[in-house]
């Protein structure tokens, strides 16, 4: 005799389960959704009864998802995305319009997003792009939490590779970042790939057409703040070149870094997108034998007509600035 189910998994409870996997505690889920932790707990207990399998293990005051719970989270992403798509389809919003909130890091905003915003005024007059400056981790979180519609993030090919032994052969430029998967529940696409250059003060003896990083092993290095990708980048690049870099100054603004280089305070690695307006006393050179690149990816949750329009403009050749 065939089994008959007299219930359906409730989308609200699936959203709470998805948020629990993201935030880790009932309290955090409640704060994100404007509910008490007790209400969240009751909803999730009901979901577990409806599913007919154990979804959680209680460890003290915390809960941990079981294997079945993690499987249901994967289905929840699919179901909730499909429901959102159905709602948008029923609205019939085929014309790009309304606000599109974009979380982006500063150099992508200036080099790519602002020209797209300018083009949108002519091509899509009902479209309004709203910019929020965030580093990649914060931009991804904002996208997951629904605080933005599109996130521009970056990654360095060298940081996606395995940690090298001293003097190891570096990976090719496209080794990791081009195929890096998007976070669960999000879609990603590569927009741009740009080289990372070494910035040297004018007249530096190593400033040939391409610079062998080993010739800079005794230099002072200007790096990003500790823990940032830019800080990790020079450490990883130097490891491939067989030396431990001596770092002095730190800064996260590329314009400031380039001015510091021009004043002879050290040398630095700077992605091409951060070199616009470089002072005349700074030389920018590619690295010899080290195919170092920064990839810029677009992350989305929902491919609405408005989001698709922004992506189309981002992929178009930028006009002269």
C-alpha atoms as a PDB file:
ATOM      1  CA  UNK A   1       0.000   0.000   0.000  1.00  0.00           C
ATOM      2  CA  UNK A   2       1.419   3.398  -0.980  1.00  0.00           C
ATOM      3  CA  UNK A   3       2.261   5.815   1.817  1.00  0.00           C
ATOM      4  CA  UNK A   4       0.269   9.001   2.004  1.00  0.00           C
ATOM      5  CA  UNK A   5       1.767  12.185   3.446  1.00  0.00           C
ATOM      6  CA  UNK A   6      -0.655  14.680   4.980  1.00  0.00           C
ATOM      7  CA  UNK A   7       1.819  17.535   5.444  1.00  0.00           C
ATOM      8  CA  UNK A   8       4.152  19.772   3.493  1.00  0.00           C
ATOM      9  CA  UNK A   9       7.455  21.217   4.646  1.00  0.00           C
ATOM     10  CA  UNK A  10       6.721  24.805   5.617  1.00  0.00           C
ATOM     11  CA  UNK A  11       8.849  27.433   3.753  1.00  0.00           C
ATOM     12  CA  UNK A  12       9.096  29.620   6.861  1.00  0.00           C
ATOM     13  CA  UNK A  13      10.608  26.751   8.828  1.00  0.00           C
ATOM     14  CA  UNK A  14      12.923  25.895   5.953  1.00  0.00           C
ATOM     15  CA  UNK A  15      14.181  29.503   6.028  1.00  0.00           C
ATOM     16  CA  UNK A  16      14.839  29.176   9.768  1.00  0.00           C
ATOM     17  CA  UNK A  17      16.743  25.933   9.179  1.00  0.00           C
ATOM     18  CA  UNK A  18      18.820  27.581   6.462  1.00  0.00           C
ATOM     19  CA  UNK A  19      19.566  30.499   8.809  1.00  0.00           C
ATOM     20  CA  UNK A  20      20.528  28.110  11.607  1.00  0.00           C
ATOM     21  CA  UNK A  21      23.108  26.504   9.331  1.00  0.00           C
ATOM     22  CA  UNK A  22      24.407  30.004   8.539  1.00  0.00           C
ATOM     23  CA  UNK A  23      24.376  31.633  11.993  1.00  0.00           C
ATOM     24  CA  UNK A  24      24.886  28.639  14.272  1.00  0.00           C
ATOM     25  CA  UNK A  25      22.548  29.446  17.204  1.00  0.00           C
ATOM     26  CA  UNK A  26      18.815  29.846  17.791  1.00  0.00           C
ATOM     27  CA  UNK A  27      19.450  33.274  19.321  1.00  0.00           C
ATOM     28  CA  UNK A  28      21.277  34.545  16.229  1.00  0.00           C
ATOM     29  CA  UNK A  29      18.547  33.171  13.957  1.00  0.00           C
ATOM     30  CA  UNK A  30      15.911  34.931  16.021  1.00  0.00           C
ATOM     31  CA  UNK A  31      17.776  38.238  15.956  1.00  0.00           C
ATOM     32  CA  UNK A  32      18.152  38.037  12.167  1.00  0.00           C
ATOM     33  CA  UNK A  33      14.465  37.232  11.667  1.00  0.00           C
ATOM     34  CA  UNK A  34      12.905  39.393  14.388  1.00  0.00           C
ATOM     35  CA  UNK A  35      11.791  36.392  16.472  1.00  0.00           C
ATOM     36  CA  UNK A  36      12.513  35.116  19.954  1.00  0.00           C
ATOM     37  CA  UNK A  37      14.850  32.148  20.284  1.00  0.00           C
ATOM     38  CA  UNK A  38      11.952  30.235  21.878  1.00  0.00           C
ATOM     39  CA  UNK A  39       9.774  30.781  18.782  1.00  0.00           C
ATOM     40  CA  UNK A  40      12.638  29.680  16.534  1.00  0.00           C
ATOM     41  CA  UNK A  41      13.104  26.549  18.638  1.00  0.00           C
ATOM     42  CA  UNK A  42       9.397  25.691  18.421  1.00  0.00           C
ATOM     43  CA  UNK A  43       9.321  26.148  14.640  1.00  0.00           C
ATOM     44  CA  UNK A  44      12.381  23.974  14.142  1.00  0.00           C
ATOM     45  CA  UNK A  45      11.030  21.283  16.479  1.00  0.00           C
ATOM     46  CA  UNK A  46       7.860  21.246  14.371  1.00  0.00           C
ATOM     47  CA  UNK A  47       9.961  20.971  11.212  1.00  0.00           C
ATOM     48  CA  UNK A  48      11.776  17.966  12.663  1.00  0.00           C
ATOM     49  CA  UNK A  49       8.449  16.278  13.416  1.00  0.00           C
ATOM     50  CA  UNK A  50       7.210  17.033   9.907  1.00  0.00           C
ATOM     51  CA  UNK A  51      10.387  15.671   8.322  1.00  0.00           C
ATOM     52  CA  UNK A  52      10.168  12.464  10.347  1.00  0.00           C
ATOM     53  CA  UNK A  53      13.948  12.289  10.883  1.00  0.00           C
ATOM     54  CA  UNK A  54      16.298  13.731  13.465  1.00  0.00           C
ATOM     55  CA  UNK A  55      17.639  17.061  12.196  1.00  0.00           C
ATOM     56  CA  UNK A  56      19.452  18.305  15.319  1.00  0.00           C
ATOM     57  CA  UNK A  57      21.610  17.077  18.154  1.00  0.00           C
ATOM     58  CA  UNK A  58      21.567  19.120  21.348  1.00  0.00           C
ATOM     59  CA  UNK A  59      24.971  19.818  22.851  1.00  0.00           C
ATOM     60  CA  UNK A  60      24.433  21.750  26.083  1.00  0.00           C
ATOM     61  CA  UNK A  61      22.583  24.942  25.113  1.00  0.00           C
ATOM     62  CA  UNK A  62      23.587  24.654  21.484  1.00  0.00           C
ATOM     63  CA  UNK A  63      22.290  22.496  18.667  1.00  0.00           C
ATOM     64  CA  UNK A  64      24.236  20.783  15.926  1.00  0.00           C
ATOM     65  CA  UNK A  65      22.804  19.679  12.597  1.00  0.00           C
ATOM     66  CA  UNK A  66      22.809  15.982  11.838  1.00  0.00           C
ATOM     67  CA  UNK A  67      23.735  14.610   8.419  1.00  0.00           C
ATOM     68  CA  UNK A  68      20.024  14.617   7.542  1.00  0.00           C
ATOM     69  CA  UNK A  69      19.781  18.218   8.742  1.00  0.00           C
ATOM     70  CA  UNK A  70      22.599  19.268   6.425  1.00  0.00           C
ATOM     71  CA  UNK A  71      20.919  17.428   3.536  1.00  0.00           C
ATOM     72  CA  UNK A  72      17.667  19.272   4.189  1.00  0.00           C
ATOM     73  CA  UNK A  73      19.556  22.599   4.239  1.00  0.00           C
ATOM     74  CA  UNK A  74      20.730  21.855   0.703  1.00  0.00           C
ATOM     75  CA  UNK A  75      17.152  21.163  -0.377  1.00  0.00           C
ATOM     76  CA  UNK A  76      16.023  24.321   1.458  1.00  0.00           C
ATOM     77  CA  UNK A  77      18.311  26.470  -0.711  1.00  0.00           C
ATOM     78  CA  UNK A  78      16.779  24.932  -3.834  1.00  0.00           C
ATOM     79  CA  UNK A  79      13.175  25.218  -2.625  1.00  0.00           C
ATOM     80  CA  UNK A  80      13.464  28.787  -1.329  1.00  0.00           C
ATOM     81  CA  UNK A  81      15.249  30.016  -4.439  1.00  0.00           C
ATOM     82  CA  UNK A  82      12.534  28.405  -6.562  1.00  0.00           C
ATOM     83  CA  UNK A  83       9.780  30.061  -4.506  1.00  0.00           C
ATOM     84  CA  UNK A  84      11.458  33.451  -4.854  1.00  0.00           C
ATOM     85  CA  UNK A  85      11.763  32.902  -8.609  1.00  0.00           C
ATOM     86  CA  UNK A  86       8.077  31.981  -8.816  1.00  0.00           C
ATOM     87  CA  UNK A  87       7.055  35.164  -6.994  1.00  0.00           C
ATOM     88  CA  UNK A  88       9.137  37.307  -9.328  1.00  0.00           C
ATOM     89  CA  UNK A  89       7.756  35.523 -12.369  1.00  0.00           C
ATOM     90  CA  UNK A  90       4.168  36.123 -11.254  1.00  0.00           C
ATOM     91  CA  UNK A  91       4.870  39.809 -10.775  1.00  0.00           C
ATOM     92  CA  UNK A  92       5.786  39.992 -14.451  1.00  0.00           C
ATOM     93  CA  UNK A  93       8.751  42.249 -13.804  1.00  0.00           C
ATOM     94  CA  UNK A  94      10.371  41.847 -17.199  1.00  0.00           C
ATOM     95  CA  UNK A  95      11.703  45.392 -17.421  1.00  0.00           C
ATOM     96  CA  UNK A  96      14.790  46.268 -15.378  1.00  0.00           C
ATOM     97  CA  UNK A  97      13.543  48.720 -12.791  1.00  0.00           C
ATOM     98  CA  UNK A  98      13.788  49.705  -9.191  1.00  0.00           C
ATOM     99  CA  UNK A  99      16.777  49.651  -6.869  1.00  0.00           C
ATOM    100  CA  UNK A 100      19.620  47.138  -7.155  1.00  0.00           C
ATOM    101  CA  UNK A 101      21.854  47.188  -4.089  1.00  0.00           C
ATOM    102  CA  UNK A 102      25.455  46.284  -4.961  1.00  0.00           C
ATOM    103  CA  UNK A 103      28.059  45.416  -2.330  1.00  0.00           C
ATOM    104  CA  UNK A 104      31.517  46.032  -3.759  1.00  0.00           C
ATOM    105  CA  UNK A 105      35.102  46.759  -2.815  1.00  0.00           C
ATOM    106  CA  UNK A 106      36.436  50.213  -3.624  1.00  0.00           C
ATOM    107  CA  UNK A 107      38.597  49.580  -6.693  1.00  0.00           C
ATOM    108  CA  UNK A 108      35.871  47.596  -8.467  1.00  0.00           C
ATOM    109  CA  UNK A 109      33.421  50.401  -7.730  1.00  0.00           C
ATOM    110  CA  UNK A 110      35.628  53.079  -9.241  1.00  0.00           C
ATOM    111  CA  UNK A 111      36.969  51.111 -12.193  1.00  0.00           C
ATOM    112  CA  UNK A 112      33.915  49.074 -13.231  1.00  0.00           C
ATOM    113  CA  UNK A 113      30.715  49.831 -11.324  1.00  0.00           C
ATOM    114  CA  UNK A 114      30.598  53.610 -11.696  1.00  0.00           C
ATOM    115  CA  UNK A 115      30.862  53.435 -15.520  1.00  0.00           C
ATOM    116  CA  UNK A 116      28.051  50.845 -15.439  1.00  0.00           C
ATOM    117  CA  UNK A 117      25.901  53.165 -13.314  1.00  0.00           C
ATOM    118  CA  UNK A 118      26.488  55.982 -15.778  1.00  0.00           C
ATOM    119  CA  UNK A 119      25.508  53.754 -18.722  1.00  0.00           C
ATOM    120  CA  UNK A 120      22.379  52.574 -16.884  1.00  0.00           C
ATOM    121  CA  UNK A 121      20.942  56.083 -16.835  1.00  0.00           C
ATOM    122  CA  UNK A 122      20.616  55.948 -20.615  1.00  0.00           C
ATOM    123  CA  UNK A 123      19.921  52.279 -21.295  1.00  0.00           C
ATOM    124  CA  UNK A 124      17.678  51.482 -18.305  1.00  0.00           C
ATOM    125  CA  UNK A 125      16.171  54.729 -17.004  1.00  0.00           C
ATOM    126  CA  UNK A 126      13.952  52.917 -14.473  1.00  0.00           C
ATOM    127  CA  UNK A 127      16.938  51.139 -12.939  1.00  0.00           C
ATOM    128  CA  UNK A 128      18.642  52.588  -9.854  1.00  0.00           C
ATOM    129  CA  UNK A 129      21.950  51.171  -8.635  1.00  0.00           C
ATOM    130  CA  UNK A 130      22.811  51.720  -4.965  1.00  0.00           C
ATOM    131  CA  UNK A 131      26.433  51.142  -3.947  1.00  0.00           C
ATOM    132  CA  UNK A 132      27.644  49.791  -0.591  1.00  0.00           C
ATOM    133  CA  UNK A 133      31.390  49.476  -0.013  1.00  0.00           C
ATOM    134  CA  UNK A 134      32.326  46.138   1.556  1.00  0.00           C
ATOM    135  CA  UNK A 135      35.295  43.794   1.511  1.00  0.00           C
ATOM    136  CA  UNK A 136      34.525  40.354  -0.003  1.00  0.00           C
ATOM    137  CA  UNK A 137      33.576  38.520   3.213  1.00  0.00           C
ATOM    138  CA  UNK A 138      31.192  41.284   4.303  1.00  0.00           C
ATOM    139  CA  UNK A 139      29.762  41.593   0.770  1.00  0.00           C
ATOM    140  CA  UNK A 140      29.019  37.861   0.675  1.00  0.00           C
ATOM    141  CA  UNK A 141      27.346  38.049   4.089  1.00  0.00           C
ATOM    142  CA  UNK A 142      25.235  41.017   2.968  1.00  0.00           C
ATOM    143  CA  UNK A 143      24.116  39.054  -0.088  1.00  0.00           C
ATOM    144  CA  UNK A 144      23.196  35.991   1.969  1.00  0.00           C
ATOM    145  CA  UNK A 145      21.214  38.095   4.427  1.00  0.00           C
ATOM    146  CA  UNK A 146      19.301  39.895   1.671  1.00  0.00           C
ATOM    147  CA  UNK A 147      20.863  43.290   2.368  1.00  0.00           C
ATOM    148  CA  UNK A 148      22.100  43.514  -1.218  1.00  0.00           C
ATOM    149  CA  UNK A 149      21.206  41.985  -4.586  1.00  0.00           C
ATOM    150  CA  UNK A 150      24.662  41.658  -6.123  1.00  0.00           C
ATOM    151  CA  UNK A 151      28.146  41.330  -4.638  1.00  0.00           C
ATOM    152  CA  UNK A 152      31.455  42.033  -6.346  1.00  0.00           C
ATOM    153  CA  UNK A 153      34.275  40.107  -4.683  1.00  0.00           C
ATOM    154  CA  UNK A 154      37.870  39.328  -5.526  1.00  0.00           C
ATOM    155  CA  UNK A 155      40.329  36.488  -5.088  1.00  0.00           C
ATOM    156  CA  UNK A 156      44.034  36.011  -5.808  1.00  0.00           C
ATOM    157  CA  UNK A 157      45.067  32.928  -7.757  1.00  0.00           C
ATOM    158  CA  UNK A 158      48.124  32.478  -5.569  1.00  0.00           C
ATOM    159  CA  UNK A 159      46.068  32.330  -2.352  1.00  0.00           C
ATOM    160  CA  UNK A 160      43.836  29.615  -3.801  1.00  0.00           C
ATOM    161  CA  UNK A 161      46.860  27.381  -4.401  1.00  0.00           C
ATOM    162  CA  UNK A 162      48.385  25.038  -1.843  1.00  0.00           C
ATOM    163  CA  UNK A 163      50.975  26.548   0.466  1.00  0.00           C
ATOM    164  CA  UNK A 164      54.334  26.251  -1.313  1.00  0.00           C
ATOM    165  CA  UNK A 165      57.664  24.920  -0.219  1.00  0.00           C
ATOM    166  CA  UNK A 166      60.400  27.537  -0.463  1.00  0.00           C
ATOM    167  CA  UNK A 167      61.236  28.175  -4.114  1.00  0.00           C
ATOM    168  CA  UNK A 168      58.406  25.962  -5.443  1.00  0.00           C
ATOM    169  CA  UNK A 169      57.028  26.394  -8.947  1.00  0.00           C
ATOM    170  CA  UNK A 170      54.051  28.815  -8.875  1.00  0.00           C
ATOM    171  CA  UNK A 171      50.670  27.745 -10.289  1.00  0.00           C
ATOM    172  CA  UNK A 172      49.388  29.145 -13.595  1.00  0.00           C
ATOM    173  CA  UNK A 173      47.337  32.334 -13.390  1.00  0.00           C
ATOM    174  CA  UNK A 174      44.057  30.533 -13.996  1.00  0.00           C
ATOM    175  CA  UNK A 175      44.806  27.617 -11.681  1.00  0.00           C
ATOM    176  CA  UNK A 176      42.241  28.216  -8.982  1.00  0.00           C
ATOM    177  CA  UNK A 177      40.250  31.415  -9.058  1.00  0.00           C
ATOM    178  CA  UNK A 178      38.538  30.864 -12.419  1.00  0.00           C
ATOM    179  CA  UNK A 179      36.988  27.618 -11.240  1.00  0.00           C
ATOM    180  CA  UNK A 180      36.440  28.516  -7.592  1.00  0.00           C
ATOM    181  CA  UNK A 181      32.863  27.518  -6.678  1.00  0.00           C
ATOM    182  CA  UNK A 182      30.415  30.108  -5.394  1.00  0.00           C
ATOM    183  CA  UNK A 183      29.297  29.768  -1.755  1.00  0.00           C
ATOM    184  CA  UNK A 184      26.286  27.522  -1.144  1.00  0.00           C
ATOM    185  CA  UNK A 185      23.029  29.046  -2.303  1.00  0.00           C
ATOM    186  CA  UNK A 186      24.747  31.677  -4.471  1.00  0.00           C
ATOM    187  CA  UNK A 187      25.666  31.873  -8.149  1.00  0.00           C
ATOM    188  CA  UNK A 188      28.984  33.270  -9.302  1.00  0.00           C
ATOM    189  CA  UNK A 189      30.618  34.337 -12.533  1.00  0.00           C
ATOM    190  CA  UNK A 190      34.043  35.673 -13.409  1.00  0.00           C
ATOM    191  CA  UNK A 191      33.864  39.269 -14.653  1.00  0.00           C
ATOM    192  CA  UNK A 192      37.483  40.356 -14.959  1.00  0.00           C
ATOM    193  CA  UNK A 193      41.018  39.073 -14.503  1.00  0.00           C
ATOM    194  CA  UNK A 194      43.755  41.626 -13.888  1.00  0.00           C
ATOM    195  CA  UNK A 195      47.491  41.247 -13.272  1.00  0.00           C
ATOM    196  CA  UNK A 196      49.120  42.105  -9.974  1.00  0.00           C
ATOM    197  CA  UNK A 197      52.094  44.441 -10.425  1.00  0.00           C
ATOM    198  CA  UNK A 198      55.061  45.329  -8.275  1.00  0.00           C
ATOM    199  CA  UNK A 199      55.332  49.011  -7.351  1.00  0.00           C
ATOM    200  CA  UNK A 200      58.861  50.392  -7.093  1.00  0.00           C
ATOM    201  CA  UNK A 201      60.223  53.891  -6.458  1.00  0.00           C
ATOM    202  CA  UNK A 202      61.528  55.649  -9.546  1.00  0.00           C
ATOM    203  CA  UNK A 203      65.114  54.715 -10.341  1.00  0.00           C
ATOM    204  CA  UNK A 204      64.999  51.378  -8.511  1.00  0.00           C
ATOM    205  CA  UNK A 205      67.751  49.107  -9.927  1.00  0.00           C
ATOM    206  CA  UNK A 206      65.389  46.117 -10.256  1.00  0.00           C
ATOM    207  CA  UNK A 207      62.917  47.997 -12.479  1.00  0.00           C
ATOM    208  CA  UNK A 208      63.567  46.080 -15.685  1.00  0.00           C
ATOM    209  CA  UNK A 209      60.727  45.162 -18.050  1.00  0.00           C
ATOM    210  CA  UNK A 210      59.685  42.354 -15.676  1.00  0.00           C
ATOM    211  CA  UNK A 211      60.909  42.052 -12.102  1.00  0.00           C
ATOM    212  CA  UNK A 212      62.309  38.882 -10.568  1.00  0.00           C
ATOM    213  CA  UNK A 213      60.809  38.881  -7.074  1.00  0.00           C
ATOM    214  CA  UNK A 214      63.982  37.313  -5.684  1.00  0.00           C
ATOM    215  CA  UNK A 215      65.810  40.575  -6.413  1.00  0.00           C
ATOM    216  CA  UNK A 216      63.518  42.262  -3.887  1.00  0.00           C
ATOM    217  CA  UNK A 217      64.203  39.838  -1.041  1.00  0.00           C
ATOM    218  CA  UNK A 218      66.108  42.466   0.977  1.00  0.00           C
ATOM    219  CA  UNK A 219      63.542  45.250   0.463  1.00  0.00           C
ATOM    220  CA  UNK A 220      61.110  46.641   2.983  1.00  0.00           C
ATOM    221  CA  UNK A 221      57.541  45.676   1.947  1.00  0.00           C
ATOM    222  CA  UNK A 222      54.419  47.768   2.361  1.00  0.00           C
ATOM    223  CA  UNK A 223      51.531  45.394   3.000  1.00  0.00           C
ATOM    224  CA  UNK A 224      47.819  45.344   3.739  1.00  0.00           C
ATOM    225  CA  UNK A 225      46.492  45.048   7.280  1.00  0.00           C
ATOM    226  CA  UNK A 226      47.239  41.722   8.964  1.00  0.00           C
ATOM    227  CA  UNK A 227      44.661  39.077   8.109  1.00  0.00           C
ATOM    228  CA  UNK A 228      43.685  40.657   4.799  1.00  0.00           C
ATOM    229  CA  UNK A 229      44.201  38.941   1.456  1.00  0.00           C
ATOM    230  CA  UNK A 230      46.636  41.670   0.395  1.00  0.00           C
ATOM    231  CA  UNK A 231      48.787  40.958   3.448  1.00  0.00           C
ATOM    232  CA  UNK A 232      48.735  37.209   2.814  1.00  0.00           C
ATOM    233  CA  UNK A 233      49.569  37.770  -0.847  1.00  0.00           C
ATOM    234  CA  UNK A 234      53.113  39.041  -0.372  1.00  0.00           C
ATOM    235  CA  UNK A 235      53.834  36.296   2.157  1.00  0.00           C
ATOM    236  CA  UNK A 236      52.698  33.622  -0.308  1.00  0.00           C
ATOM    237  CA  UNK A 237      54.459  35.230  -3.300  1.00  0.00           C
ATOM    238  CA  UNK A 238      57.700  35.555  -1.337  1.00  0.00           C
ATOM    239  CA  UNK A 239      57.446  31.906  -0.307  1.00  0.00           C
ATOM    240  CA  UNK A 240      57.328  30.910  -3.975  1.00  0.00           C
ATOM    241  CA  UNK A 241      60.392  33.105  -4.535  1.00  0.00           C
ATOM    242  CA  UNK A 242      62.206  31.498  -1.614  1.00  0.00           C
ATOM    243  CA  UNK A 243      62.417  34.273   0.977  1.00  0.00           C
ATOM    244  CA  UNK A 244      60.610  35.683   4.001  1.00  0.00           C
ATOM    245  CA  UNK A 245      59.555  39.284   3.340  1.00  0.00           C
ATOM    246  CA  UNK A 246      60.452  42.009   5.796  1.00  0.00           C
ATOM    247  CA  UNK A 247      57.330  44.102   6.223  1.00  0.00           C
ATOM    248  CA  UNK A 248      57.401  47.647   7.518  1.00  0.00           C
ATOM    249  CA  UNK A 249      54.395  49.872   6.843  1.00  0.00           C
ATOM    250  CA  UNK A 250      50.840  48.650   6.370  1.00  0.00           C
ATOM    251  CA  UNK A 251      47.921  50.316   4.583  1.00  0.00           C
ATOM    252  CA  UNK A 252      44.731  49.203   2.847  1.00  0.00           C
ATOM    253  CA  UNK A 253      44.284  52.153   0.488  1.00  0.00           C
ATOM    254  CA  UNK A 254      46.170  51.602  -2.760  1.00  0.00           C
ATOM    255  CA  UNK A 255      46.556  55.319  -3.439  1.00  0.00           C
ATOM    256  CA  UNK A 256      48.277  55.716  -0.070  1.00  0.00           C
ATOM    257  CA  UNK A 257      50.452  52.654  -0.682  1.00  0.00           C
ATOM    258  CA  UNK A 258      51.624  54.071  -4.016  1.00  0.00           C
ATOM    259  CA  UNK A 259      52.456  57.425  -2.438  1.00  0.00           C
ATOM    260  CA  UNK A 260      54.462  55.613   0.253  1.00  0.00           C
ATOM    261  CA  UNK A 261      56.350  53.715  -2.450  1.00  0.00           C
ATOM    262  CA  UNK A 262      57.061  56.985  -4.241  1.00  0.00           C
ATOM    263  CA  UNK A 263      58.531  58.381  -1.012  1.00  0.00           C
ATOM    264  CA  UNK A 264      60.938  55.456  -0.829  1.00  0.00           C
ATOM    265  CA  UNK A 265      59.325  53.772   2.190  1.00  0.00           C
ATOM    266  CA  UNK A 266      59.278  50.353   0.548  1.00  0.00           C
ATOM    267  CA  UNK A 267      57.949  48.300  -2.351  1.00  0.00           C
ATOM    268  CA  UNK A 268      54.514  46.724  -2.731  1.00  0.00           C
ATOM    269  CA  UNK A 269      52.287  44.417  -4.754  1.00  0.00           C
ATOM    270  CA  UNK A 270      49.269  46.220  -6.199  1.00  0.00           C
ATOM    271  CA  UNK A 271      46.552  44.831  -8.510  1.00  0.00           C
ATOM    272  CA  UNK A 272      46.240  46.722 -11.789  1.00  0.00           C
ATOM    273  CA  UNK A 273      42.804  48.033 -10.766  1.00  0.00           C
ATOM    274  CA  UNK A 274      44.390  49.871  -7.848  1.00  0.00           C
ATOM    275  CA  UNK A 275      47.068  51.674  -9.873  1.00  0.00           C
ATOM    276  CA  UNK A 276      44.995  54.422 -11.509  1.00  0.00           C
ATOM    277  CA  UNK A 277      46.432  57.820 -10.721  1.00  0.00           C
ATOM    278  CA  UNK A 278      49.791  56.378  -9.643  1.00  0.00           C
ATOM    279  CA  UNK A 279      52.312  59.145  -8.843  1.00  0.00           C
ATOM    280  CA  UNK A 280      54.967  59.825 -11.504  1.00  0.00           C
ATOM    281  CA  UNK A 281      57.714  58.753  -9.096  1.00  0.00           C
ATOM    282  CA  UNK A 282      56.344  55.178  -8.946  1.00  0.00           C
ATOM    283  CA  UNK A 283      57.232  52.438 -11.433  1.00  0.00           C
ATOM    284  CA  UNK A 284      54.754  49.618 -12.030  1.00  0.00           C
ATOM    285  CA  UNK A 285      56.183  46.403 -13.401  1.00  0.00           C
ATOM    286  CA  UNK A 286      54.949  42.821 -13.989  1.00  0.00           C
ATOM    287  CA  UNK A 287      56.572  39.957 -12.127  1.00  0.00           C
ATOM    288  CA  UNK A 288      58.887  37.629 -14.036  1.00  0.00           C
ATOM    289  CA  UNK A 289      57.998  33.945 -13.718  1.00  0.00           C
ATOM    290  CA  UNK A 290      55.151  34.546 -11.290  1.00  0.00           C
ATOM    291  CA  UNK A 291      51.727  34.703 -13.039  1.00  0.00           C
ATOM    292  CA  UNK A 292      49.977  36.581 -10.255  1.00  0.00           C
ATOM    293  CA  UNK A 293      46.385  37.731 -10.877  1.00  0.00           C
ATOM    294  CA  UNK A 294      43.345  39.090  -9.089  1.00  0.00           C
ATOM    295  CA  UNK A 295      39.964  37.841 -10.277  1.00  0.00           C
ATOM    296  CA  UNK A 296      36.775  39.847  -9.801  1.00  0.00           C
ATOM    297  CA  UNK A 297      33.627  37.758  -9.477  1.00  0.00           C
ATOM    298  CA  UNK A 298      29.954  38.717  -9.352  1.00  0.00           C
ATOM    299  CA  UNK A 299      27.848  36.798  -6.819  1.00  0.00           C
ATOM    300  CA  UNK A 300      24.049  36.736  -6.960  1.00  0.00           C
ATOM    301  CA  UNK A 301      21.141  34.991  -5.282  1.00  0.00           C
ATOM    302  CA  UNK A 302      18.413  35.766  -7.809  1.00  0.00           C
ATOM    303  CA  UNK A 303      18.843  36.595 -11.484  1.00  0.00           C
ATOM    304  CA  UNK A 304      16.140  39.285 -11.636  1.00  0.00           C
ATOM    305  CA  UNK A 305      15.891  41.424 -14.784  1.00  0.00           C
ATOM    306  CA  UNK A 306      17.360  44.332 -12.831  1.00  0.00           C
ATOM    307  CA  UNK A 307      20.327  42.298 -11.592  1.00  0.00           C
ATOM    308  CA  UNK A 308      20.857  40.854 -15.080  1.00  0.00           C
ATOM    309  CA  UNK A 309      20.894  44.386 -16.489  1.00  0.00           C
ATOM    310  CA  UNK A 310      23.623  45.448 -14.048  1.00  0.00           C
ATOM    311  CA  UNK A 311      25.665  42.345 -14.917  1.00  0.00           C
ATOM    312  CA  UNK A 312      25.262  43.113 -18.621  1.00  0.00           C
ATOM    313  CA  UNK A 313      26.568  46.628 -18.068  1.00  0.00           C
ATOM    314  CA  UNK A 314      29.475  45.378 -15.965  1.00  0.00           C
ATOM    315  CA  UNK A 315      30.556  42.991 -18.715  1.00  0.00           C
ATOM    316  CA  UNK A 316      30.385  45.693 -21.401  1.00  0.00           C
ATOM    317  CA  UNK A 317      33.615  47.518 -22.312  1.00  0.00           C
ATOM    318  CA  UNK A 318      34.029  50.516 -20.064  1.00  0.00           C
ATOM    319  CA  UNK A 319      33.839  53.933 -21.766  1.00  0.00           C
ATOM    320  CA  UNK A 320      36.715  56.345 -21.513  1.00  0.00           C
ATOM    321  CA  UNK A 321      36.762  57.894 -18.069  1.00  0.00           C
END
